[in-house]
Amino acid sequence: MNRDEFLALEDNKAMAKYLNDQIDAGKTPEEVQEELGLTKKDLTEQALYLVRGKFLARAWGGYTTTKRTGNEAGDSANGVGDSDPSKGYNGI
C-alpha cells in the first residue's frame, strides 16, 4: 500500500487497523510510517495517535475552536451568567 491508498481508506479506524496489523507483523511504528511516507502531521490530521507502541483512532481531533456552541451552562447572549466577554475579567 502506498501513501495515497492509505489516506483513501474509509475512516481512521480502518487506518489504525492497517497500521497496527503492520506492527503485529513485526515492524516498528517508525518503519510503518516510513514505508507509507507518513509524517506525524499526516497522522494527526487523520486523528491517529501513537500510544504505547499502538496507533489509536480518535472520533475527532479535539477541540479546535473557541466558537460558541450554545451548549454552555447558563449561557446567554452576552456570555455565561450574563457576563460581558468583551470586558474580560471586569465583565463578570
PDB file of N, CA and C in Angstrom:
ATOM      1  N   MET A   1       0.850  -1.176   0.000  1.00  0.00           N
ATOM      2  CA  MET A   1       0.000   0.000   0.000  1.00  0.00           C
ATOM      3  C   MET A   1       0.894   1.237   0.000  1.00  0.00           C
ATOM      4  N   ASN A   2       0.474   2.242  -0.766  1.00  0.00           N
ATOM      5  CA  ASN A   2       1.237   3.491  -0.765  1.00  0.00           C
ATOM      6  C   ASN A   2       0.483   4.556   0.039  1.00  0.00           C
ATOM      7  N   ARG A   3       1.072   5.739   0.129  1.00  0.00           N
ATOM      8  CA  ARG A   3       0.527   6.819   0.947  1.00  0.00           C
ATOM      9  C   ARG A   3      -0.891   7.201   0.507  1.00  0.00           C
ATOM     10  N   ASP A   4      -1.100   7.374  -0.804  1.00  0.00           N
ATOM     11  CA  ASP A   4      -2.409   7.792  -1.306  1.00  0.00           C
ATOM     12  C   ASP A   4      -3.480   6.737  -1.044  1.00  0.00           C
ATOM     13  N   GLU A   5      -3.128   5.472  -1.211  1.00  0.00           N
ATOM     14  CA  GLU A   5      -4.078   4.391  -0.927  1.00  0.00           C
ATOM     15  C   GLU A   5      -4.439   4.368   0.559  1.00  0.00           C
ATOM     16  N   PHE A   6      -3.430   4.588   1.390  1.00  0.00           N
ATOM     17  CA  PHE A   6      -3.673   4.604   2.832  1.00  0.00           C
ATOM     18  C   PHE A   6      -4.613   5.740   3.204  1.00  0.00           C
ATOM     19  N   LEU A   7      -4.354   6.940   2.692  1.00  0.00           N
ATOM     20  CA  LEU A   7      -5.183   8.092   3.029  1.00  0.00           C
ATOM     21  C   LEU A   7      -6.592   7.992   2.435  1.00  0.00           C
ATOM     22  N   ALA A   8      -6.770   7.109   1.452  1.00  0.00           N
ATOM     23  CA  ALA A   8      -8.091   6.912   0.840  1.00  0.00           C
ATOM     24  C   ALA A   8      -8.937   5.878   1.582  1.00  0.00           C
ATOM     25  N   LEU A   9      -8.385   5.248   2.619  1.00  0.00           N
ATOM     26  CA  LEU A   9      -9.174   4.282   3.400  1.00  0.00           C
ATOM     27  C   LEU A   9     -10.406   4.972   3.962  1.00  0.00           C
ATOM     28  N   GLU A  10     -11.454   4.184   4.224  1.00  0.00           N
ATOM     29  CA  GLU A  10     -12.770   4.735   4.556  1.00  0.00           C
ATOM     30  C   GLU A  10     -12.806   5.620   5.795  1.00  0.00           C
ATOM     31  N   ASP A  11     -12.066   5.284   6.835  1.00  0.00           N
ATOM     32  CA  ASP A  11     -12.048   6.118   8.031  1.00  0.00           C
ATOM     33  C   ASP A  11     -10.777   5.850   8.831  1.00  0.00           C
ATOM     34  N   ASN A  12     -10.591   6.625   9.898  1.00  0.00           N
ATOM     35  CA  ASN A  12      -9.353   6.486  10.660  1.00  0.00           C
ATOM     36  C   ASN A  12      -9.283   5.186  11.457  1.00  0.00           C
ATOM     37  N   LYS A  13     -10.420   4.539  11.704  1.00  0.00           N
ATOM     38  CA  LYS A  13     -10.378   3.236  12.380  1.00  0.00           C
ATOM     39  C   LYS A  13      -9.769   2.188  11.458  1.00  0.00           C
ATOM     40  N   ALA A  14     -10.098   2.257  10.176  1.00  0.00           N
ATOM     41  CA  ALA A  14      -9.501   1.339   9.203  1.00  0.00           C
ATOM     42  C   ALA A  14      -8.015   1.627   9.049  1.00  0.00           C
ATOM     43  N   MET A  15      -7.660   2.909   9.110  1.00  0.00           N
ATOM     44  CA  MET A  15      -6.241   3.295   9.031  1.00  0.00           C
ATOM     45  C   MET A  15      -5.475   2.742  10.229  1.00  0.00           C
ATOM     46  N   ALA A  16      -6.034   2.902  11.424  1.00  0.00           N
ATOM     47  CA  ALA A  16      -5.382   2.410  12.636  1.00  0.00           C
ATOM     48  C   ALA A  16      -5.242   0.890  12.589  1.00  0.00           C
ATOM     49  N   LYS A  17      -6.259   0.203  12.092  1.00  0.00           N
ATOM     50  CA  LYS A  17      -6.188  -1.259  11.988  1.00  0.00           C
ATOM     51  C   LYS A  17      -5.059  -1.671  11.057  1.00  0.00           C
ATOM     52  N   TYR A  18      -4.945  -1.005   9.907  1.00  0.00           N
ATOM     53  CA  TYR A  18      -3.867  -1.331   8.970  1.00  0.00           C
ATOM     54  C   TYR A  18      -2.502  -1.101   9.619  1.00  0.00           C
ATOM     55  N   LEU A  19      -2.334   0.049  10.257  1.00  0.00           N
ATOM     56  CA  LEU A  19      -1.053   0.367  10.899  1.00  0.00           C
ATOM     57  C   LEU A  19      -0.721  -0.649  11.990  1.00  0.00           C
ATOM     58  N   ASN A  20      -1.705  -0.999  12.807  1.00  0.00           N
ATOM     59  CA  ASN A  20      -1.475  -1.949  13.895  1.00  0.00           C
ATOM     60  C   ASN A  20      -1.239  -3.368  13.375  1.00  0.00           C
ATOM     61  N   ASP A  21      -1.871  -3.722  12.250  1.00  0.00           N
ATOM     62  CA  ASP A  21      -1.591  -5.026  11.632  1.00  0.00           C
ATOM     63  C   ASP A  21      -0.138  -5.110  11.193  1.00  0.00           C
ATOM     64  N   GLN A  22       0.390  -3.995  10.687  1.00  0.00           N
ATOM     65  CA  GLN A  22       1.798  -3.967  10.277  1.00  0.00           C
ATOM     66  C   GLN A  22       2.729  -4.108  11.483  1.00  0.00           C
ATOM     67  N   ILE A  23       2.343  -3.472  12.589  1.00  0.00           N
ATOM     68  CA  ILE A  23       3.132  -3.588  13.825  1.00  0.00           C
ATOM     69  C   ILE A  23       3.086  -5.021  14.342  1.00  0.00           C
ATOM     70  N   ASP A  24       1.892  -5.639  14.289  1.00  0.00           N
ATOM     71  CA  ASP A  24       1.752  -7.030  14.735  1.00  0.00           C
ATOM     72  C   ASP A  24       2.566  -7.985  13.868  1.00  0.00           C
ATOM     73  N   ALA A  25       2.827  -7.579  12.620  1.00  0.00           N
ATOM     74  CA  ALA A  25       3.637  -8.398  11.711  1.00  0.00           C
ATOM     75  C   ALA A  25       5.135  -8.254  11.980  1.00  0.00           C
ATOM     76  N   GLY A  26       5.493  -7.406  12.961  1.00  0.00           N
ATOM     77  CA  GLY A  26       6.887  -7.310  13.366  1.00  0.00           C
ATOM     78  C   GLY A  26       7.593  -6.017  13.011  1.00  0.00           C
ATOM     79  N   LYS A  27       6.894  -5.067  12.417  1.00  0.00           N
ATOM     80  CA  LYS A  27       7.520  -3.787  12.080  1.00  0.00           C
ATOM     81  C   LYS A  27       7.379  -2.822  13.243  1.00  0.00           C
ATOM     82  N   THR A  28       8.284  -1.864  13.296  1.00  0.00           N
ATOM     83  CA  THR A  28       8.166  -0.815  14.299  1.00  0.00           C
ATOM     84  C   THR A  28       7.245   0.269  13.754  1.00  0.00           C
ATOM     85  N   PRO A  29       6.638   1.085  14.629  1.00  0.00           N
ATOM     86  CA  PRO A  29       5.793   2.182  14.147  1.00  0.00           C
ATOM     87  C   PRO A  29       6.539   3.119  13.193  1.00  0.00           C
ATOM     88  N   GLU A  30       7.806   3.352  13.465  1.00  0.00           N
ATOM     89  CA  GLU A  30       8.603   4.225  12.613  1.00  0.00           C
ATOM     90  C   GLU A  30       8.784   3.624  11.226  1.00  0.00           C
ATOM     91  N   GLU A  31       9.010   2.305  11.167  1.00  0.00           N
ATOM     92  CA  GLU A  31       9.152   1.627   9.877  1.00  0.00           C
ATOM     93  C   GLU A  31       7.864   1.704   9.068  1.00  0.00           C
ATOM     94  N   VAL A  32       6.740   1.529   9.732  1.00  0.00           N
ATOM     95  CA  VAL A  32       5.443   1.582   9.051  1.00  0.00           C
ATOM     96  C   VAL A  32       5.216   2.977   8.474  1.00  0.00           C
ATOM     97  N   GLN A  33       5.474   4.002   9.280  1.00  0.00           N
ATOM     98  CA  GLN A  33       5.312   5.373   8.817  1.00  0.00           C
ATOM     99  C   GLN A  33       6.233   5.665   7.639  1.00  0.00           C
ATOM    100  N   GLU A  34       7.477   5.213   7.731  1.00  0.00           N
ATOM    101  CA  GLU A  34       8.451   5.463   6.670  1.00  0.00           C
ATOM    102  C   GLU A  34       8.040   4.781   5.366  1.00  0.00           C
ATOM    103  N   GLU A  35       7.569   3.532   5.454  1.00  0.00           N
ATOM    104  CA  GLU A  35       7.150   2.806   4.253  1.00  0.00           C
ATOM    105  C   GLU A  35       5.988   3.495   3.550  1.00  0.00           C
ATOM    106  N   LEU A  36       5.082   4.084   4.338  1.00  0.00           N
ATOM    107  CA  LEU A  36       3.924   4.762   3.758  1.00  0.00           C
ATOM    108  C   LEU A  36       4.208   6.220   3.421  1.00  0.00           C
ATOM    109  N   GLY A  37       5.340   6.725   3.885  1.00  0.00           N
ATOM    110  CA  GLY A  37       5.675   8.125   3.651  1.00  0.00           C
ATOM    111  C   GLY A  37       4.826   9.079   4.475  1.00  0.00           C
ATOM    112  N   LEU A  38       4.465   8.653   5.676  1.00  0.00           N
ATOM    113  CA  LEU A  38       3.615   9.456   6.546  1.00  0.00           C
ATOM    114  C   LEU A  38       4.442  10.203   7.582  1.00  0.00           C
ATOM    115  N   THR A  39       4.040  11.430   7.837  1.00  0.00           N
ATOM    116  CA  THR A  39       4.665  12.209   8.899  1.00  0.00           C
ATOM    117  C   THR A  39       3.724  12.227  10.104  1.00  0.00           C
ATOM    118  N   LYS A  40       4.229  12.721  11.214  1.00  0.00           N
ATOM    119  CA  LYS A  40       3.393  12.840  12.405  1.00  0.00           C
ATOM    120  C   LYS A  40       2.217  13.779  12.123  1.00  0.00           C
ATOM    121  N   LYS A  41       2.466  14.818  11.328  1.00  0.00           N
ATOM    122  CA  LYS A  41       1.406  15.759  10.964  1.00  0.00           C
ATOM    123  C   LYS A  41       0.304  15.051  10.169  1.00  0.00           C
ATOM    124  N   ASP A  42       0.689  14.173   9.234  1.00  0.00           N
ATOM    125  CA  ASP A  42      -0.297  13.419   8.460  1.00  0.00           C
ATOM    126  C   ASP A  42      -1.193  12.599   9.377  1.00  0.00           C
ATOM    127  N   LEU A  43      -0.586  11.951  10.352  1.00  0.00           N
ATOM    128  CA  LEU A  43      -1.346  11.114  11.279  1.00  0.00           C
ATOM    129  C   LEU A  43      -2.268  11.953  12.158  1.00  0.00           C
ATOM    130  N   THR A  44      -1.768  13.080  12.629  1.00  0.00           N
ATOM    131  CA  THR A  44      -2.572  13.956  13.468  1.00  0.00           C
ATOM    132  C   THR A  44      -3.775  14.494  12.700  1.00  0.00           C
ATOM    133  N   GLU A  45      -3.582  14.822  11.430  1.00  0.00           N
ATOM    134  CA  GLU A  45      -4.691  15.312  10.605  1.00  0.00           C
ATOM    135  C   GLU A  45      -5.778  14.259  10.445  1.00  0.00           C
ATOM    136  N   GLN A  46      -5.410  12.998  10.550  1.00  0.00           N
ATOM    137  CA  GLN A  46      -6.382  11.901  10.449  1.00  0.00           C
ATOM    138  C   GLN A  46      -6.880  11.463  11.829  1.00  0.00           C
ATOM    139  N   ALA A  47      -6.492  12.185  12.883  1.00  0.00           N
ATOM    140  CA  ALA A  47      -6.847  11.869  14.274  1.00  0.00           C
ATOM    141  C   ALA A  47      -6.332  10.487  14.663  1.00  0.00           C
ATOM    142  N   LEU A  48      -5.095  10.198  14.239  1.00  0.00           N
ATOM    143  CA  LEU A  48      -4.408   8.956  14.603  1.00  0.00           C
ATOM    144  C   LEU A  48      -3.246   9.314  15.524  1.00  0.00           C
ATOM    145  N   TYR A  49      -3.130   8.583  16.616  1.00  0.00           N
ATOM    146  CA  TYR A  49      -2.103   8.888  17.606  1.00  0.00           C
ATOM    147  C   TYR A  49      -1.383   7.618  18.018  1.00  0.00           C
ATOM    148  N   LEU A  50      -0.072   7.716  18.168  1.00  0.00           N
ATOM    149  CA  LEU A  50       0.749   6.587  18.613  1.00  0.00           C
ATOM    150  C   LEU A  50       0.812   6.614  20.130  1.00  0.00           C
ATOM    151  N   VAL A  51       0.274   5.570  20.758  1.00  0.00           N
ATOM    152  CA  VAL A  51       0.252   5.473  22.217  1.00  0.00           C
ATOM    153  C   VAL A  51       0.771   4.102  22.609  1.00  0.00           C
ATOM    154  N   ARG A  52       1.879   4.095  23.322  1.00  0.00           N
ATOM    155  CA  ARG A  52       2.496   2.857  23.824  1.00  0.00           C
ATOM    156  C   ARG A  52       2.686   1.814  22.725  1.00  0.00           C
ATOM    157  N   GLY A  53       3.177   2.270  21.577  1.00  0.00           N
ATOM    158  CA  GLY A  53       3.514   1.347  20.503  1.00  0.00           C
ATOM    159  C   GLY A  53       2.360   0.910  19.623  1.00  0.00           C
ATOM    160  N   LYS A  54       1.167   1.455  19.827  1.00  0.00           N
ATOM    161  CA  LYS A  54      -0.008   1.134  19.001  1.00  0.00           C
ATOM    162  C   LYS A  54      -0.651   2.431  18.527  1.00  0.00           C
ATOM    163  N   PHE A  55      -1.289   2.356  17.369  1.00  0.00           N
ATOM    164  CA  PHE A  55      -1.990   3.514  16.839  1.00  0.00           C
ATOM    165  C   PHE A  55      -3.438   3.493  17.292  1.00  0.00           C
ATOM    166  N   LEU A  56      -3.909   4.633  17.780  1.00  0.00           N
ATOM    167  CA  LEU A  56      -5.288   4.775  18.216  1.00  0.00           C
ATOM    168  C   LEU A  56      -5.994   5.792  17.330  1.00  0.00           C
ATOM    169  N   ALA A  57      -7.238   5.501  16.994  1.00  0.00           N
ATOM    170  CA  ALA A  57      -8.053   6.416  16.206  1.00  0.00           C
ATOM    171  C   ALA A  57      -9.035   7.109  17.131  1.00  0.00           C
ATOM    172  N   ARG A  58      -9.014   8.413  17.118  1.00  0.00           N
ATOM    173  CA  ARG A  58      -9.983   9.167  17.912  1.00  0.00           C
ATOM    174  C   ARG A  58     -11.158   9.542  17.035  1.00  0.00           C
ATOM    175  N   ALA A  59     -12.312   9.683  17.647  1.00  0.00           N
ATOM    176  CA  ALA A  59     -13.515  10.039  16.905  1.00  0.00           C
ATOM    177  C   ALA A  59     -13.410  11.448  16.317  1.00  0.00           C
ATOM    178  N   TRP A  60     -12.711  12.318  16.995  1.00  0.00           N
ATOM    179  CA  TRP A  60     -12.493  13.670  16.494  1.00  0.00           C
ATOM    180  C   TRP A  60     -11.106  14.098  16.916  1.00  0.00           C
ATOM    181  N   GLY A  61     -10.611  15.145  16.287  1.00  0.00           N
ATOM    182  CA  GLY A  61      -9.263  15.613  16.537  1.00  0.00           C
ATOM    183  C   GLY A  61      -9.097  16.427  17.795  1.00  0.00           C
ATOM    184  N   GLY A  62     -10.169  16.720  18.470  1.00  0.00           N
ATOM    185  CA  GLY A  62     -10.089  17.511  19.686  1.00  0.00           C
ATOM    186  C   GLY A  62     -10.780  18.844  19.498  1.00  0.00           C
ATOM    187  N   TYR A  63     -10.758  19.655  20.510  1.00  0.00           N
ATOM    188  CA  TYR A  63     -11.381  20.956  20.435  1.00  0.00           C
ATOM    189  C   TYR A  63     -10.485  21.876  19.625  1.00  0.00           C
ATOM    190  N   THR A  64     -11.011  22.392  18.552  1.00  0.00           N
ATOM    191  CA  THR A  64     -10.192  23.211  17.661  1.00  0.00           C
ATOM    192  C   THR A  64     -10.750  24.610  17.499  1.00  0.00           C
ATOM    193  N   THR A  65     -11.776  24.961  18.255  1.00  0.00           N
ATOM    194  CA  THR A  65     -12.371  26.275  18.095  1.00  0.00           C
ATOM    195  C   THR A  65     -12.843  26.816  19.439  1.00  0.00           C
ATOM    196  N   THR A  66     -12.904  28.119  19.528  1.00  0.00           N
ATOM    197  CA  THR A  66     -13.470  28.763  20.710  1.00  0.00           C
ATOM    198  C   THR A  66     -14.841  29.329  20.376  1.00  0.00           C
ATOM    199  N   LYS A  67     -15.353  28.990  19.209  1.00  0.00           N
ATOM    200  CA  LYS A  67     -16.664  29.468  18.767  1.00  0.00           C
ATOM    201  C   LYS A  67     -17.752  28.902  19.685  1.00  0.00           C
ATOM    202  N   ARG A  68     -18.717  29.730  20.026  1.00  0.00           N
ATOM    203  CA  ARG A  68     -19.794  29.326  20.911  1.00  0.00           C
ATOM    204  C   ARG A  68     -20.630  28.232  20.254  1.00  0.00           C
ATOM    205  N   THR A  69     -21.023  27.239  21.038  1.00  0.00           N
ATOM    206  CA  THR A  69     -21.844  26.150  20.529  1.00  0.00           C
ATOM    207  C   THR A  69     -23.293  26.279  20.967  1.00  0.00           C
ATOM    208  N   GLY A  70     -23.545  27.061  22.013  1.00  0.00           N
ATOM    209  CA  GLY A  70     -24.894  27.177  22.553  1.00  0.00           C
ATOM    210  C   GLY A  70     -25.181  26.150  23.633  1.00  0.00           C
ATOM    211  N   ASN A  71     -24.220  25.261  23.904  1.00  0.00           N
ATOM    212  CA  ASN A  71     -24.407  24.237  24.920  1.00  0.00           C
ATOM    213  C   ASN A  71     -23.806  24.616  26.266  1.00  0.00           C
ATOM    214  N   GLU A  72     -23.285  25.822  26.357  1.00  0.00           N
ATOM    215  CA  GLU A  72     -22.655  26.232  27.600  1.00  0.00           C
ATOM    216  C   GLU A  72     -23.708  26.399  28.690  1.00  0.00           C
ATOM    217  N   ALA A  73     -23.386  25.955  29.894  1.00  0.00           N
ATOM    218  CA  ALA A  73     -24.331  26.034  31.022  1.00  0.00           C
ATOM    219  C   ALA A  73     -24.594  27.491  31.383  1.00  0.00           C
ATOM    220  N   GLY A  74     -25.856  27.849  31.553  1.00  0.00           N
ATOM    221  CA  GLY A  74     -26.198  29.209  31.962  1.00  0.00           C
ATOM    222  C   GLY A  74     -25.841  30.239  30.921  1.00  0.00           C
ATOM    223  N   ASP A  75     -25.777  29.852  29.680  1.00  0.00           N
ATOM    224  CA  ASP A  75     -25.336  30.752  28.618  1.00  0.00           C
ATOM    225  C   ASP A  75     -26.422  31.759  28.267  1.00  0.00           C
ATOM    226  N   SER A  76     -26.015  32.936  27.885  1.00  0.00           N
ATOM    227  CA  SER A  76     -26.943  33.952  27.406  1.00  0.00           C
ATOM    228  C   SER A  76     -26.301  34.637  26.210  1.00  0.00           C
ATOM    229  N   ALA A  77     -26.941  35.649  25.704  1.00  0.00           N
ATOM    230  CA  ALA A  77     -26.417  36.346  24.531  1.00  0.00           C
ATOM    231  C   ALA A  77     -25.075  37.006  24.820  1.00  0.00           C
ATOM    232  N   ASN A  78     -24.877  37.466  26.055  1.00  0.00           N
ATOM    233  CA  ASN A  78     -23.627  38.139  26.385  1.00  0.00           C
ATOM    234  C   ASN A  78     -22.526  37.177  26.798  1.00  0.00           C
ATOM    235  N   GLY A  79     -22.881  36.149  27.471  1.00  0.00           N
ATOM    236  CA  GLY A  79     -21.875  35.219  27.967  1.00  0.00           C
ATOM    237  C   GLY A  79     -22.439  34.416  29.108  1.00  0.00           C
ATOM    238  N   VAL A  80     -21.632  33.571  29.682  1.00  0.00           N
ATOM    239  CA  VAL A  80     -22.084  32.722  30.770  1.00  0.00           C
ATOM    240  C   VAL A  80     -22.493  33.596  31.949  1.00  0.00           C
ATOM    241  N   GLY A  81     -23.708  33.379  32.432  1.00  0.00           N
ATOM    242  CA  GLY A  81     -24.205  34.125  33.594  1.00  0.00           C
ATOM    243  C   GLY A  81     -24.350  35.609  33.334  1.00  0.00           C
ATOM    244  N   ASP A  82     -24.676  36.004  32.115  1.00  0.00           N
ATOM    245  CA  ASP A  82     -24.833  37.412  31.724  1.00  0.00           C
ATOM    246  C   ASP A  82     -23.545  38.221  31.857  1.00  0.00           C
ATOM    247  N   SER A  83     -22.410  37.571  31.803  1.00  0.00           N
ATOM    248  CA  SER A  83     -21.155  38.306  31.820  1.00  0.00           C
ATOM    249  C   SER A  83     -20.935  38.925  30.437  1.00  0.00           C
ATOM    250  N   ASP A  84     -20.084  39.915  30.379  1.00  0.00           N
ATOM    251  CA  ASP A  84     -19.769  40.563  29.105  1.00  0.00           C
ATOM    252  C   ASP A  84     -18.331  40.202  28.737  1.00  0.00           C
ATOM    253  N   PRO A  85     -18.147  39.230  27.815  1.00  0.00           N
ATOM    254  CA  PRO A  85     -16.804  38.778  27.476  1.00  0.00           C
ATOM    255  C   PRO A  85     -15.887  39.876  26.933  1.00  0.00           C
ATOM    256  N   SER A  86     -16.468  40.926  26.366  1.00  0.00           N
ATOM    257  CA  SER A  86     -15.637  41.992  25.803  1.00  0.00           C
ATOM    258  C   SER A  86     -14.898  42.769  26.875  1.00  0.00           C
ATOM    259  N   LYS A  87     -15.358  42.676  28.146  1.00  0.00           N
ATOM    260  CA  LYS A  87     -14.713  43.405  29.238  1.00  0.00           C
ATOM    261  C   LYS A  87     -13.715  42.550  30.007  1.00  0.00           C
ATOM    262  N   GLY A  88     -13.502  41.323  29.533  1.00  0.00           N
ATOM    263  CA  GLY A  88     -12.543  40.454  30.211  1.00  0.00           C
ATOM    264  C   GLY A  88     -12.987  40.130  31.632  1.00  0.00           C
ATOM    265  N   TYR A  89     -12.028  40.111  32.560  1.00  0.00           N
ATOM    266  CA  TYR A  89     -12.329  39.760  33.960  1.00  0.00           C
ATOM    267  C   TYR A  89     -13.315  40.744  34.578  1.00  0.00           C
ATOM    268  N   ASN A  90     -13.261  42.001  34.183  1.00  0.00           N
ATOM    269  CA  ASN A  90     -14.148  43.013  34.758  1.00  0.00           C
ATOM    270  C   ASN A  90     -15.595  42.841  34.317  1.00  0.00           C
ATOM    271  N   GLY A  91     -15.853  42.044  33.288  1.00  0.00           N
ATOM    272  CA  GLY A  91     -17.219  41.849  32.795  1.00  0.00           C
ATOM    273  C   GLY A  91     -18.005  40.841  33.578  1.00  0.00           C
ATOM    274  N   ILE A  92     -17.381  40.215  34.582  1.00  0.00           N
ATOM    275  CA  ILE A  92     -18.083  39.169  35.347  1.00  0.00           C
ATOM    276  C   ILE A  92     -19.006  39.799  36.364  1.00  0.00           C
TER     277      ILE A  92
END
